[in-house]
Amino acid sequence: MYLMKLDPLMDFDPSDPLRSPGDILLNDHLRPRTMTLAWLARRTGISVSTLRQITRGERRINAEFALRLSNVMDPTPAYWLVLQARYDLATVGSRRDGRRRFG
């Protein structure tokens, strides 16, 4: 059996600006490689409209999308899910308690 070892202190540099996983997908992975949403849609089976919603931050990256993205690009499914979890924790945390911010 293979178990993924997780570091309980997994953290991000708080000086890094918070960006949605969709923004990272678009600006760090697609644009530098001159890939379009239509190209990604054809290869992942995720519709262009859904990908557009993800890149706008209107839709979350779930486990299914993470698997589909990782089948086409280098980052692992865990990469996409950790980005989404970080974003969710930061946005929910800042709404619940303005004093406490997650990085």
PDB file of N, CA and C in Angstrom:
ATOM      1  N   MET A   1       0.845  -1.176   0.000  1.00  0.00           N
ATOM      2  CA  MET A   1       0.000   0.000   0.000  1.00  0.00           C
ATOM      3  C   MET A   1       0.892   1.241   0.000  1.00  0.00           C
ATOM      4  N   TYR A   2       0.527   2.221  -0.791  1.00  0.00           N
ATOM      5  CA  TYR A   2       1.278   3.465  -0.897  1.00  0.00           C
ATOM      6  C   TYR A   2       0.558   4.548  -0.106  1.00  0.00           C
ATOM      7  N   LEU A   3       1.261   5.136   0.828  1.00  0.00           N
ATOM      8  CA  LEU A   3       0.703   6.243   1.599  1.00  0.00           C
ATOM      9  C   LEU A   3       1.472   7.511   1.265  1.00  0.00           C
ATOM     10  N   MET A   4       0.727   8.559   1.038  1.00  0.00           N
ATOM     11  CA  MET A   4       1.353   9.844   0.761  1.00  0.00           C
ATOM     12  C   MET A   4       1.739  10.487   2.082  1.00  0.00           C
ATOM     13  N   LYS A   5       2.983  10.848   2.223  1.00  0.00           N
ATOM     14  CA  LYS A   5       3.439  11.478   3.449  1.00  0.00           C
ATOM     15  C   LYS A   5       3.170  12.978   3.362  1.00  0.00           C
ATOM     16  N   LEU A   6       2.421  13.472   4.326  1.00  0.00           N
ATOM     17  CA  LEU A   6       2.111  14.901   4.369  1.00  0.00           C
ATOM     18  C   LEU A   6       2.854  15.546   5.523  1.00  0.00           C
ATOM     19  N   ASP A   7       3.435  16.659   5.259  1.00  0.00           N
ATOM     20  CA  ASP A   7       4.113  17.429   6.288  1.00  0.00           C
ATOM     21  C   ASP A   7       3.062  18.263   7.018  1.00  0.00           C
ATOM     22  N   PRO A   8       2.912  18.083   8.335  1.00  0.00           N
ATOM     23  CA  PRO A   8       1.878  18.839   9.050  1.00  0.00           C
ATOM     24  C   PRO A   8       2.128  20.342   9.044  1.00  0.00           C
ATOM     25  N   LEU A   9       3.332  20.761   8.709  1.00  0.00           N
ATOM     26  CA  LEU A   9       3.637  22.190   8.677  1.00  0.00           C
ATOM     27  C   LEU A   9       3.626  22.736   7.248  1.00  0.00           C
ATOM     28  N   MET A  10       2.968  22.000   6.344  1.00  0.00           N
ATOM     29  CA  MET A  10       2.879  22.509   4.973  1.00  0.00           C
ATOM     30  C   MET A  10       2.348  23.930   5.031  1.00  0.00           C
ATOM     31  N   ASP A  11       3.109  24.820   4.524  1.00  0.00           N
ATOM     32  CA  ASP A  11       2.711  26.211   4.601  1.00  0.00           C
ATOM     33  C   ASP A  11       3.187  26.924   3.347  1.00  0.00           C
ATOM     34  N   PHE A  12       2.703  28.109   3.170  1.00  0.00           N
ATOM     35  CA  PHE A  12       3.064  28.934   2.037  1.00  0.00           C
ATOM     36  C   PHE A  12       3.647  30.230   2.567  1.00  0.00           C
ATOM     37  N   ASP A  13       4.463  30.844   1.771  1.00  0.00           N
ATOM     38  CA  ASP A  13       5.051  32.124   2.144  1.00  0.00           C
ATOM     39  C   ASP A  13       3.929  33.159   2.206  1.00  0.00           C
ATOM     40  N   PRO A  14       3.682  33.727   3.397  1.00  0.00           N
ATOM     41  CA  PRO A  14       2.578  34.686   3.515  1.00  0.00           C
ATOM     42  C   PRO A  14       2.793  35.966   2.707  1.00  0.00           C
ATOM     43  N   SER A  15       4.042  36.209   2.277  1.00  0.00           N
ATOM     44  CA  SER A  15       4.274  37.404   1.462  1.00  0.00           C
ATOM     45  C   SER A  15       3.844  37.192   0.010  1.00  0.00           C
ATOM     46  N   ASP A  16       3.629  35.920  -0.381  1.00  0.00           N
ATOM     47  CA  ASP A  16       3.114  35.654  -1.718  1.00  0.00           C
ATOM     48  C   ASP A  16       1.664  36.129  -1.804  1.00  0.00           C
ATOM     49  N   PRO A  17       1.335  36.849  -2.859  1.00  0.00           N
ATOM     50  CA  PRO A  17      -0.064  37.293  -2.983  1.00  0.00           C
ATOM     51  C   PRO A  17      -0.978  36.094  -3.203  1.00  0.00           C
ATOM     52  N   LEU A  18      -2.159  36.160  -2.617  1.00  0.00           N
ATOM     53  CA  LEU A  18      -3.134  35.094  -2.780  1.00  0.00           C
ATOM     54  C   LEU A  18      -3.708  35.149  -4.193  1.00  0.00           C
ATOM     55  N   ARG A  19      -3.636  34.031  -4.888  1.00  0.00           N
ATOM     56  CA  ARG A  19      -4.176  33.924  -6.242  1.00  0.00           C
ATOM     57  C   ARG A  19      -5.041  32.683  -6.313  1.00  0.00           C
ATOM     58  N   SER A  20      -6.097  32.766  -7.080  1.00  0.00           N
ATOM     59  CA  SER A  20      -6.969  31.602  -7.236  1.00  0.00           C
ATOM     60  C   SER A  20      -6.240  30.545  -8.065  1.00  0.00           C
ATOM     61  N   PRO A  21      -6.606  29.279  -7.872  1.00  0.00           N
ATOM     62  CA  PRO A  21      -6.013  28.224  -8.696  1.00  0.00           C
ATOM     63  C   PRO A  21      -6.259  28.458 -10.194  1.00  0.00           C
ATOM     64  N   GLY A  22      -7.398  29.037 -10.522  1.00  0.00           N
ATOM     65  CA  GLY A  22      -7.692  29.344 -11.918  1.00  0.00           C
ATOM     66  C   GLY A  22      -6.750  30.377 -12.495  1.00  0.00           C
ATOM     67  N   ASP A  23      -6.389  31.378 -11.693  1.00  0.00           N
ATOM     68  CA  ASP A  23      -5.424  32.388 -12.125  1.00  0.00           C
ATOM     69  C   ASP A  23      -4.065  31.736 -12.363  1.00  0.00           C
ATOM     70  N   ILE A  24      -3.680  30.832 -11.483  1.00  0.00           N
ATOM     71  CA  ILE A  24      -2.409  30.120 -11.632  1.00  0.00           C
ATOM     72  C   ILE A  24      -2.448  29.231 -12.869  1.00  0.00           C
ATOM     73  N   LEU A  25      -3.559  28.553 -13.087  1.00  0.00           N
ATOM     74  CA  LEU A  25      -3.717  27.718 -14.278  1.00  0.00           C
ATOM     75  C   LEU A  25      -3.528  28.551 -15.538  1.00  0.00           C
ATOM     76  N   LEU A  26      -4.200  29.667 -15.606  1.00  0.00           N
ATOM     77  CA  LEU A  26      -4.164  30.506 -16.799  1.00  0.00           C
ATOM     78  C   LEU A  26      -2.805  31.172 -17.003  1.00  0.00           C
ATOM     79  N   ASN A  27      -2.328  31.862 -15.965  1.00  0.00           N
ATOM     80  CA  ASN A  27      -1.142  32.701 -16.130  1.00  0.00           C
ATOM     81  C   ASN A  27       0.194  31.986 -15.943  1.00  0.00           C
ATOM     82  N   ASP A  28       0.207  30.888 -15.212  1.00  0.00           N
ATOM     83  CA  ASP A  28       1.473  30.189 -14.975  1.00  0.00           C
ATOM     84  C   ASP A  28       1.632  28.928 -15.827  1.00  0.00           C
ATOM     85  N   HIS A  29       0.525  28.400 -16.326  1.00  0.00           N
ATOM     86  CA  HIS A  29       0.609  27.147 -17.072  1.00  0.00           C
ATOM     87  C   HIS A  29       0.162  27.263 -18.528  1.00  0.00           C
ATOM     88  N   LEU A  30      -0.953  27.925 -18.781  1.00  0.00           N
ATOM     89  CA  LEU A  30      -1.459  27.990 -20.150  1.00  0.00           C
ATOM     90  C   LEU A  30      -0.773  29.075 -20.983  1.00  0.00           C
ATOM     91  N   ARG A  31      -0.803  30.292 -20.515  1.00  0.00           N
ATOM     92  CA  ARG A  31      -0.257  31.407 -21.321  1.00  0.00           C
ATOM     93  C   ARG A  31       1.227  31.244 -21.645  1.00  0.00           C
ATOM     94  N   PRO A  32       2.077  30.846 -20.684  1.00  0.00           N
ATOM     95  CA  PRO A  32       3.494  30.697 -21.043  1.00  0.00           C
ATOM     96  C   PRO A  32       3.731  29.646 -22.136  1.00  0.00           C
ATOM     97  N   ARG A  33       2.843  28.685 -22.245  1.00  0.00           N
ATOM     98  CA  ARG A  33       2.972  27.628 -23.255  1.00  0.00           C
ATOM     99  C   ARG A  33       2.093  27.902 -24.480  1.00  0.00           C
ATOM    100  N   THR A  34       1.520  29.087 -24.525  1.00  0.00           N
ATOM    101  CA  THR A  34       0.590  29.503 -25.586  1.00  0.00           C
ATOM    102  C   THR A  34      -0.527  28.480 -25.816  1.00  0.00           C
ATOM    103  N   MET A  35      -1.028  27.922 -24.720  1.00  0.00           N
ATOM    104  CA  MET A  35      -2.169  26.999 -24.776  1.00  0.00           C
ATOM    105  C   MET A  35      -3.450  27.802 -24.557  1.00  0.00           C
ATOM    106  N   THR A  36      -4.501  27.415 -25.222  1.00  0.00           N
ATOM    107  CA  THR A  36      -5.787  28.091 -25.066  1.00  0.00           C
ATOM    108  C   THR A  36      -6.728  27.236 -24.220  1.00  0.00           C
ATOM    109  N   LEU A  37      -7.797  27.869 -23.769  1.00  0.00           N
ATOM    110  CA  LEU A  37      -8.807  27.118 -23.033  1.00  0.00           C
ATOM    111  C   LEU A  37      -9.452  26.062 -23.936  1.00  0.00           C
ATOM    112  N   ALA A  38      -9.605  26.371 -25.215  1.00  0.00           N
ATOM    113  CA  ALA A  38     -10.183  25.403 -26.147  1.00  0.00           C
ATOM    114  C   ALA A  38      -9.279  24.174 -26.270  1.00  0.00           C
ATOM    115  N   TRP A  39      -7.971  24.399 -26.353  1.00  0.00           N
ATOM    116  CA  TRP A  39      -7.021  23.284 -26.419  1.00  0.00           C
ATOM    117  C   TRP A  39      -7.139  22.424 -25.169  1.00  0.00           C
ATOM    118  N   LEU A  40      -7.155  23.088 -24.000  1.00  0.00           N
ATOM    119  CA  LEU A  40      -7.244  22.358 -22.734  1.00  0.00           C
ATOM    120  C   LEU A  40      -8.567  21.610 -22.620  1.00  0.00           C
ATOM    121  N   ALA A  41      -9.628  22.225 -23.087  1.00  0.00           N
ATOM    122  CA  ALA A  41     -10.951  21.584 -23.046  1.00  0.00           C
ATOM    123  C   ALA A  41     -10.966  20.305 -23.882  1.00  0.00           C
ATOM    124  N   ARG A  42     -10.374  20.357 -25.067  1.00  0.00           N
ATOM    125  CA  ARG A  42     -10.344  19.169 -25.928  1.00  0.00           C
ATOM    126  C   ARG A  42      -9.576  18.026 -25.267  1.00  0.00           C
ATOM    127  N   ARG A  43      -8.517  18.339 -24.565  1.00  0.00           N
ATOM    128  CA  ARG A  43      -7.672  17.295 -23.983  1.00  0.00           C
ATOM    129  C   ARG A  43      -8.157  16.785 -22.629  1.00  0.00           C
ATOM    130  N   THR A  44      -8.891  17.613 -21.907  1.00  0.00           N
ATOM    131  CA  THR A  44      -9.343  17.201 -20.567  1.00  0.00           C
ATOM    132  C   THR A  44     -10.789  16.740 -20.539  1.00  0.00           C
ATOM    133  N   GLY A  45     -11.569  17.162 -21.517  1.00  0.00           N
ATOM    134  CA  GLY A  45     -12.994  16.863 -21.485  1.00  0.00           C
ATOM    135  C   GLY A  45     -13.769  17.806 -20.579  1.00  0.00           C
ATOM    136  N   ILE A  46     -13.108  18.828 -20.074  1.00  0.00           N
ATOM    137  CA  ILE A  46     -13.765  19.873 -19.287  1.00  0.00           C
ATOM    138  C   ILE A  46     -14.209  20.949 -20.282  1.00  0.00           C
ATOM    139  N   SER A  47     -15.438  21.380 -20.209  1.00  0.00           N
ATOM    140  CA  SER A  47     -15.936  22.346 -21.194  1.00  0.00           C
ATOM    141  C   SER A  47     -15.192  23.684 -21.082  1.00  0.00           C
ATOM    142  N   VAL A  48     -15.167  24.392 -22.204  1.00  0.00           N
ATOM    143  CA  VAL A  48     -14.527  25.709 -22.228  1.00  0.00           C
ATOM    144  C   VAL A  48     -15.202  26.638 -21.225  1.00  0.00           C
ATOM    145  N   SER A  49     -16.525  26.579 -21.142  1.00  0.00           N
ATOM    146  CA  SER A  49     -17.230  27.477 -20.217  1.00  0.00           C
ATOM    147  C   SER A  49     -16.855  27.163 -18.763  1.00  0.00           C
ATOM    148  N   THR A  50     -16.695  25.885 -18.433  1.00  0.00           N
ATOM    149  CA  THR A  50     -16.281  25.525 -17.074  1.00  0.00           C
ATOM    150  C   THR A  50     -14.855  25.987 -16.816  1.00  0.00           C
ATOM    151  N   LEU A  51     -13.968  25.793 -17.776  1.00  0.00           N
ATOM    152  CA  LEU A  51     -12.586  26.256 -17.617  1.00  0.00           C
ATOM    153  C   LEU A  51     -12.542  27.772 -17.472  1.00  0.00           C
ATOM    154  N   ARG A  52     -13.366  28.473 -18.223  1.00  0.00           N
ATOM    155  CA  ARG A  52     -13.424  29.936 -18.115  1.00  0.00           C
ATOM    156  C   ARG A  52     -13.878  30.341 -16.709  1.00  0.00           C
ATOM    157  N   GLN A  53     -14.863  29.643 -16.161  1.00  0.00           N
ATOM    158  CA  GLN A  53     -15.324  29.932 -14.801  1.00  0.00           C
ATOM    159  C   GLN A  53     -14.208  29.664 -13.787  1.00  0.00           C
ATOM    160  N   ILE A  54     -13.450  28.603 -13.992  1.00  0.00           N
ATOM    161  CA  ILE A  54     -12.328  28.299 -13.090  1.00  0.00           C
ATOM    162  C   ILE A  54     -11.287  29.410 -13.164  1.00  0.00           C
ATOM    163  N   THR A  55     -10.926  29.846 -14.366  1.00  0.00           N
ATOM    164  CA  THR A  55      -9.889  30.873 -14.494  1.00  0.00           C
ATOM    165  C   THR A  55     -10.352  32.226 -13.958  1.00  0.00           C
ATOM    166  N   ARG A  56     -11.641  32.452 -13.911  1.00  0.00           N
ATOM    167  CA  ARG A  56     -12.172  33.696 -13.338  1.00  0.00           C
ATOM    168  C   ARG A  56     -12.360  33.611 -11.830  1.00  0.00           C
ATOM    169  N   GLY A  57     -12.132  32.435 -11.270  1.00  0.00           N
ATOM    170  CA  GLY A  57     -12.325  32.247  -9.831  1.00  0.00           C
ATOM    171  C   GLY A  57     -13.779  32.053  -9.445  1.00  0.00           C
ATOM    172  N   GLU A  58     -14.625  31.759 -10.407  1.00  0.00           N
ATOM    173  CA  GLU A  58     -16.056  31.573 -10.157  1.00  0.00           C
ATOM    174  C   GLU A  58     -16.404  30.118  -9.843  1.00  0.00           C
ATOM    175  N   ARG A  59     -15.461  29.231 -10.094  1.00  0.00           N
ATOM    176  CA  ARG A  59     -15.695  27.808  -9.872  1.00  0.00           C
ATOM    177  C   ARG A  59     -14.431  27.189  -9.281  1.00  0.00           C
ATOM    178  N   ARG A  60     -14.632  26.239  -8.390  1.00  0.00           N
ATOM    179  CA  ARG A  60     -13.519  25.593  -7.710  1.00  0.00           C
ATOM    180  C   ARG A  60     -12.947  24.454  -8.552  1.00  0.00           C
ATOM    181  N   ILE A  61     -11.700  24.126  -8.297  1.00  0.00           N
ATOM    182  CA  ILE A  61     -11.100  22.929  -8.885  1.00  0.00           C
ATOM    183  C   ILE A  61     -11.383  21.788  -7.919  1.00  0.00           C
ATOM    184  N   ASN A  62     -12.154  20.822  -8.380  1.00  0.00           N
ATOM    185  CA  ASN A  62     -12.477  19.668  -7.540  1.00  0.00           C
ATOM    186  C   ASN A  62     -11.547  18.503  -7.906  1.00  0.00           C
ATOM    187  N   ALA A  63     -11.734  17.374  -7.250  1.00  0.00           N
ATOM    188  CA  ALA A  63     -10.848  16.232  -7.465  1.00  0.00           C
ATOM    189  C   ALA A  63     -10.888  15.740  -8.913  1.00  0.00           C
ATOM    190  N   GLU A  64     -12.062  15.699  -9.499  1.00  0.00           N
ATOM    191  CA  GLU A  64     -12.171  15.246 -10.893  1.00  0.00           C
ATOM    192  C   GLU A  64     -11.408  16.166 -11.833  1.00  0.00           C
ATOM    193  N   PHE A  65     -11.584  17.479 -11.671  1.00  0.00           N
ATOM    194  CA  PHE A  65     -10.869  18.429 -12.517  1.00  0.00           C
ATOM    195  C   PHE A  65      -9.369  18.319 -12.296  1.00  0.00           C
ATOM    196  N   ALA A  66      -8.951  18.140 -11.043  1.00  0.00           N
ATOM    197  CA  ALA A  66      -7.523  18.018 -10.725  1.00  0.00           C
ATOM    198  C   ALA A  66      -6.919  16.812 -11.446  1.00  0.00           C
ATOM    199  N   LEU A  67      -7.636  15.695 -11.454  1.00  0.00           N
ATOM    200  CA  LEU A  67      -7.153  14.502 -12.169  1.00  0.00           C
ATOM    201  C   LEU A  67      -7.062  14.761 -13.666  1.00  0.00           C
ATOM    202  N   ARG A  68      -8.069  15.390 -14.212  1.00  0.00           N
ATOM    203  CA  ARG A  68      -8.075  15.660 -15.655  1.00  0.00           C
ATOM    204  C   ARG A  68      -6.957  16.621 -16.043  1.00  0.00           C
ATOM    205  N   LEU A  69      -6.746  17.656 -15.238  1.00  0.00           N
ATOM    206  CA  LEU A  69      -5.665  18.605 -15.519  1.00  0.00           C
ATOM    207  C   LEU A  69      -4.310  17.918 -15.444  1.00  0.00           C
ATOM    208  N   SER A  70      -4.127  17.054 -14.449  1.00  0.00           N
ATOM    209  CA  SER A  70      -2.828  16.398 -14.277  1.00  0.00           C
ATOM    210  C   SER A  70      -2.543  15.386 -15.384  1.00  0.00           C
ATOM    211  N   ASN A  71      -3.577  14.890 -16.046  1.00  0.00           N
ATOM    212  CA  ASN A  71      -3.361  13.983 -17.176  1.00  0.00           C
ATOM    213  C   ASN A  71      -2.820  14.712 -18.401  1.00  0.00           C
ATOM    214  N   VAL A  72      -2.981  16.033 -18.422  1.00  0.00           N
ATOM    215  CA  VAL A  72      -2.580  16.825 -19.582  1.00  0.00           C
ATOM    216  C   VAL A  72      -1.327  17.656 -19.309  1.00  0.00           C
ATOM    217  N   MET A  73      -1.164  18.099 -18.070  1.00  0.00           N
ATOM    218  CA  MET A  73      -0.046  18.975 -17.718  1.00  0.00           C
ATOM    219  C   MET A  73       0.769  18.347 -16.592  1.00  0.00           C
ATOM    220  N   ASP A  74       1.926  18.904 -16.330  1.00  0.00           N
ATOM    221  CA  ASP A  74       2.859  18.354 -15.348  1.00  0.00           C
ATOM    222  C   ASP A  74       2.353  18.309 -13.914  1.00  0.00           C
ATOM    223  N   PRO A  75       1.754  19.362 -13.374  1.00  0.00           N
ATOM    224  CA  PRO A  75       1.397  19.306 -11.948  1.00  0.00           C
ATOM    225  C   PRO A  75       0.491  18.115 -11.609  1.00  0.00           C
ATOM    226  N   THR A  76       0.688  17.601 -10.419  1.00  0.00           N
ATOM    227  CA  THR A  76      -0.087  16.454  -9.939  1.00  0.00           C
ATOM    228  C   THR A  76      -1.479  16.895  -9.504  1.00  0.00           C
ATOM    229  N   PRO A  77      -2.399  15.948  -9.339  1.00  0.00           N
ATOM    230  CA  PRO A  77      -3.725  16.302  -8.819  1.00  0.00           C
ATOM    231  C   PRO A  77      -3.621  16.958  -7.435  1.00  0.00           C
ATOM    232  N   ALA A  78      -2.701  16.472  -6.616  1.00  0.00           N
ATOM    233  CA  ALA A  78      -2.531  17.053  -5.277  1.00  0.00           C
ATOM    234  C   ALA A  78      -2.143  18.525  -5.354  1.00  0.00           C
ATOM    235  N   TYR A  79      -1.334  18.888  -6.342  1.00  0.00           N
ATOM    236  CA  TYR A  79      -0.940  20.285  -6.539  1.00  0.00           C
ATOM    237  C   TYR A  79      -2.171  21.174  -6.695  1.00  0.00           C
ATOM    238  N   TRP A  80      -3.076  20.766  -7.584  1.00  0.00           N
ATOM    239  CA  TRP A  80      -4.275  21.569  -7.832  1.00  0.00           C
ATOM    240  C   TRP A  80      -5.175  21.615  -6.607  1.00  0.00           C
ATOM    241  N   LEU A  81      -5.304  20.506  -5.907  1.00  0.00           N
ATOM    242  CA  LEU A  81      -6.173  20.469  -4.726  1.00  0.00           C
ATOM    243  C   LEU A  81      -5.588  21.274  -3.571  1.00  0.00           C
ATOM    244  N   VAL A  82      -4.266  21.253  -3.417  1.00  0.00           N
ATOM    245  CA  VAL A  82      -3.637  22.063  -2.368  1.00  0.00           C
ATOM    246  C   VAL A  82      -3.804  23.554  -2.684  1.00  0.00           C
ATOM    247  N   LEU A  83      -3.636  23.923  -3.950  1.00  0.00           N
ATOM    248  CA  LEU A  83      -3.871  25.329  -4.325  1.00  0.00           C
ATOM    249  C   LEU A  83      -5.300  25.745  -3.998  1.00  0.00           C
ATOM    250  N   GLN A  84      -6.253  24.872  -4.310  1.00  0.00           N
ATOM    251  CA  GLN A  84      -7.659  25.190  -4.042  1.00  0.00           C
ATOM    252  C   GLN A  84      -7.904  25.281  -2.547  1.00  0.00           C
ATOM    253  N   ALA A  85      -7.357  24.343  -1.778  1.00  0.00           N
ATOM    254  CA  ALA A  85      -7.545  24.363  -0.321  1.00  0.00           C
ATOM    255  C   ALA A  85      -6.933  25.619   0.286  1.00  0.00           C
ATOM    256  N   ARG A  86      -5.744  25.997  -0.169  1.00  0.00           N
ATOM    257  CA  ARG A  86      -5.103  27.214   0.331  1.00  0.00           C
ATOM    258  C   ARG A  86      -5.977  28.437   0.056  1.00  0.00           C
ATOM    259  N   TYR A  87      -6.485  28.510  -1.153  1.00  0.00           N
ATOM    260  CA  TYR A  87      -7.328  29.638  -1.539  1.00  0.00           C
ATOM    261  C   TYR A  87      -8.609  29.661  -0.708  1.00  0.00           C
ATOM    262  N   ASP A  88      -9.227  28.498  -0.553  1.00  0.00           N
ATOM    263  CA  ASP A  88     -10.458  28.407   0.234  1.00  0.00           C
ATOM    264  C   ASP A  88     -10.220  28.802   1.684  1.00  0.00           C
ATOM    265  N   LEU A  89      -9.149  28.305   2.283  1.00  0.00           N
ATOM    266  CA  LEU A  89      -8.851  28.638   3.684  1.00  0.00           C
ATOM    267  C   LEU A  89      -8.607  30.132   3.851  1.00  0.00           C
ATOM    268  N   ALA A  90      -7.889  30.723   2.913  1.00  0.00           N
ATOM    269  CA  ALA A  90      -7.591  32.154   3.013  1.00  0.00           C
ATOM    270  C   ALA A  90      -8.846  32.996   2.851  1.00  0.00           C
ATOM    271  N   THR A  91      -9.688  32.637   1.892  1.00  0.00           N
ATOM    272  CA  THR A  91     -10.868  33.470   1.660  1.00  0.00           C
ATOM    273  C   THR A  91     -11.915  33.260   2.746  1.00  0.00           C
ATOM    274  N   VAL A  92     -12.142  32.033   3.169  1.00  0.00           N
ATOM    275  CA  VAL A  92     -13.110  31.779   4.240  1.00  0.00           C
ATOM    276  C   VAL A  92     -12.573  32.318   5.561  1.00  0.00           C
ATOM    277  N   GLY A  93     -11.292  32.105   5.809  1.00  0.00           N
ATOM    278  CA  GLY A  93     -10.684  32.591   7.054  1.00  0.00           C
ATOM    279  C   GLY A  93     -10.749  34.099   7.177  1.00  0.00           C
ATOM    280  N   SER A  94     -10.538  34.802   6.086  1.00  0.00           N
ATOM    281  CA  SER A  94     -10.577  36.263   6.150  1.00  0.00           C
ATOM    282  C   SER A  94     -12.001  36.780   6.325  1.00  0.00           C
ATOM    283  N   ARG A  95     -12.980  36.032   5.828  1.00  0.00           N
ATOM    284  CA  ARG A  95     -14.378  36.451   6.021  1.00  0.00           C
ATOM    285  C   ARG A  95     -14.833  36.195   7.451  1.00  0.00           C
ATOM    286  N   ARG A  96     -14.398  35.055   8.025  1.00  0.00           N
ATOM    287  CA  ARG A  96     -14.820  34.689   9.382  1.00  0.00           C
ATOM    288  C   ARG A  96     -14.172  35.566  10.435  1.00  0.00           C
ATOM    289  N   ASP A  97     -12.899  35.849  10.237  1.00  0.00           N
ATOM    290  CA  ASP A  97     -12.157  36.555  11.257  1.00  0.00           C
ATOM    291  C   ASP A  97     -11.127  37.443  10.572  1.00  0.00           C
ATOM    292  N   GLY A  98     -11.420  38.704  10.482  1.00  0.00           N
ATOM    293  CA  GLY A  98     -10.538  39.628   9.797  1.00  0.00           C
ATOM    294  C   GLY A  98      -9.148  39.704  10.379  1.00  0.00           C
ATOM    295  N   ARG A  99      -8.974  39.251  11.627  1.00  0.00           N
ATOM    296  CA  ARG A  99      -7.656  39.296  12.251  1.00  0.00           C
ATOM    297  C   ARG A  99      -6.770  38.135  11.827  1.00  0.00           C
ATOM    298  N   ARG A 100      -7.369  37.005  11.475  1.00  0.00           N
ATOM    299  CA  ARG A 100      -6.587  35.823  11.172  1.00  0.00           C
ATOM    300  C   ARG A 100      -6.595  35.558   9.678  1.00  0.00           C
ATOM    301  N   ARG A 101      -5.430  35.555   9.077  1.00  0.00           N
ATOM    302  CA  ARG A 101      -5.293  35.311   7.646  1.00  0.00           C
ATOM    303  C   ARG A 101      -4.458  34.078   7.423  1.00  0.00           C
ATOM    304  N   PHE A 102      -4.882  33.239   6.511  1.00  0.00           N
ATOM    305  CA  PHE A 102      -4.110  32.061   6.137  1.00  0.00           C
ATOM    306  C   PHE A 102      -3.319  32.415   4.894  1.00  0.00           C
ATOM    307  N   GLY A 103      -2.060  31.915   4.814  1.00  0.00           N
ATOM    308  CA  GLY A 103      -1.199  32.233   3.685  1.00  0.00           C
ATOM    309  C   GLY A 103      -1.335  31.387   2.543  1.00  0.00           C
TER     310      GLY A 103
END
